[in-house]
Amino acid sequence: MLEYGSNMDARHYYHNKLAEARLLQGKTQQEIANAMQVDRQTIYRAEKGEAVSYELLAKLCNHYQIPMTVVVVPSPDLCTAA
């Protein structure tokens, strides 16, 4: 079970949904990073399924205007992302 403030990785969220949402907006990783005031590498890591904070995922979902339920896996055992 994840605790608040824990990092999440590809077992916990559908990272491909983040890239899809960004591309649907026609934005680059750098443009999203600038808008969110984070490093481009942070956006890259999230889109690749590397460990990122729950807070970052929430901010990305808010920025892309998509529900967290689209991105966060209900149970890590259900995710087949590598």
Protein backbone atom coordinates (compact mmCIF):
# COMPACT_ATOMS: atom_id res chain seq x y z
CA MET A 1 0.00 0.00 0.00
CA LEU A 2 1.26 3.45 -0.92
CA GLU A 3 1.49 6.14 1.68
CA TYR A 4 0.83 9.80 0.97
CA GLY A 5 3.95 11.30 -0.51
CA SER A 6 5.16 7.94 -1.81
CA ASN A 7 6.70 7.56 -5.23
CA MET A 8 4.75 5.69 -7.85
CA ASP A 9 6.14 3.80 -10.82
CA ALA A 10 4.80 1.89 -13.83
CA ARG A 11 3.14 -0.63 -11.48
CA HIS A 12 0.98 2.18 -10.09
CA TYR A 13 0.04 4.31 -13.08
CA TYR A 14 -0.51 4.08 -16.81
CA HIS A 15 2.39 6.21 -17.96
CA ASN A 16 1.37 6.00 -21.62
CA LYS A 17 -1.81 7.93 -20.78
CA LEU A 18 0.32 10.92 -19.77
CA ALA A 19 2.15 11.04 -23.11
CA GLU A 20 -1.14 10.58 -24.97
CA ALA A 21 -2.71 13.50 -23.10
CA ARG A 22 0.28 15.72 -23.83
CA LEU A 23 0.31 14.82 -27.51
CA LEU A 24 -3.44 15.45 -27.79
CA GLN A 25 -2.72 18.98 -26.60
CA GLY A 26 0.03 19.29 -29.22
CA LYS A 27 2.61 20.15 -26.55
CA THR A 28 6.22 19.13 -26.08
CA GLN A 29 7.62 17.83 -22.82
CA GLN A 30 9.48 21.13 -22.47
CA GLU A 31 6.30 23.17 -22.87
CA ILE A 32 4.56 21.13 -20.18
CA ALA A 33 7.60 21.38 -17.91
CA ASN A 34 7.69 25.16 -18.35
CA ALA A 35 3.97 25.49 -17.62
CA MET A 36 4.31 23.35 -14.49
CA GLN A 37 7.62 24.89 -13.44
CA VAL A 38 9.45 21.56 -13.33
CA ASP A 39 12.41 20.15 -15.23
CA ARG A 40 11.73 18.48 -18.59
CA GLN A 41 13.34 15.32 -17.19
CA THR A 42 10.53 15.17 -14.64
CA ILE A 43 7.94 14.98 -17.42
CA TYR A 44 10.12 12.44 -19.26
CA ARG A 45 10.35 10.22 -16.17
CA ALA A 46 6.59 10.32 -15.63
CA GLU A 47 5.91 9.40 -19.26
CA LYS A 48 8.40 6.52 -19.11
CA GLY A 49 6.85 5.03 -15.97
CA GLU A 50 9.75 5.83 -13.69
CA ALA A 51 9.26 6.68 -10.03
CA VAL A 52 7.40 9.98 -9.57
CA SER A 53 5.36 11.38 -6.72
CA TYR A 54 1.61 11.04 -6.42
CA GLU A 55 1.51 14.81 -6.20
CA LEU A 56 3.19 15.15 -9.60
CA LEU A 57 0.71 12.72 -11.15
CA ALA A 58 -2.14 14.73 -9.66
CA LYS A 59 -0.69 17.96 -11.07
CA LEU A 60 -0.21 16.41 -14.50
CA CYS A 61 -3.78 15.11 -14.53
CA ASN A 62 -5.03 18.52 -13.51
CA HIS A 63 -2.94 20.19 -16.20
CA TYR A 64 -4.21 17.78 -18.87
CA GLN A 65 -7.74 17.98 -17.45
CA ILE A 66 -8.08 14.22 -17.12
CA PRO A 67 -9.36 12.32 -14.08
CA MET A 68 -6.79 10.59 -11.87
CA THR A 69 -8.80 7.40 -12.38
CA VAL A 70 -7.66 7.38 -16.01
CA VAL A 71 -4.00 7.34 -14.98
CA VAL A 72 -3.70 5.66 -11.57
CA VAL A 73 -3.98 1.88 -11.42
CA PRO A 74 -6.59 0.71 -8.87
CA SER A 75 -4.24 -2.10 -7.79
CA PRO A 76 -0.59 -2.43 -8.83
CA ASP A 77 -1.22 -6.12 -9.52
CA LEU A 78 -3.61 -5.16 -12.32
CA CYS A 79 -1.10 -3.15 -14.31
CA THR A 80 0.89 -4.95 -16.96
CA ALA A 81 3.05 -1.95 -17.91
CA ALA A 82 6.75 -2.65 -18.09
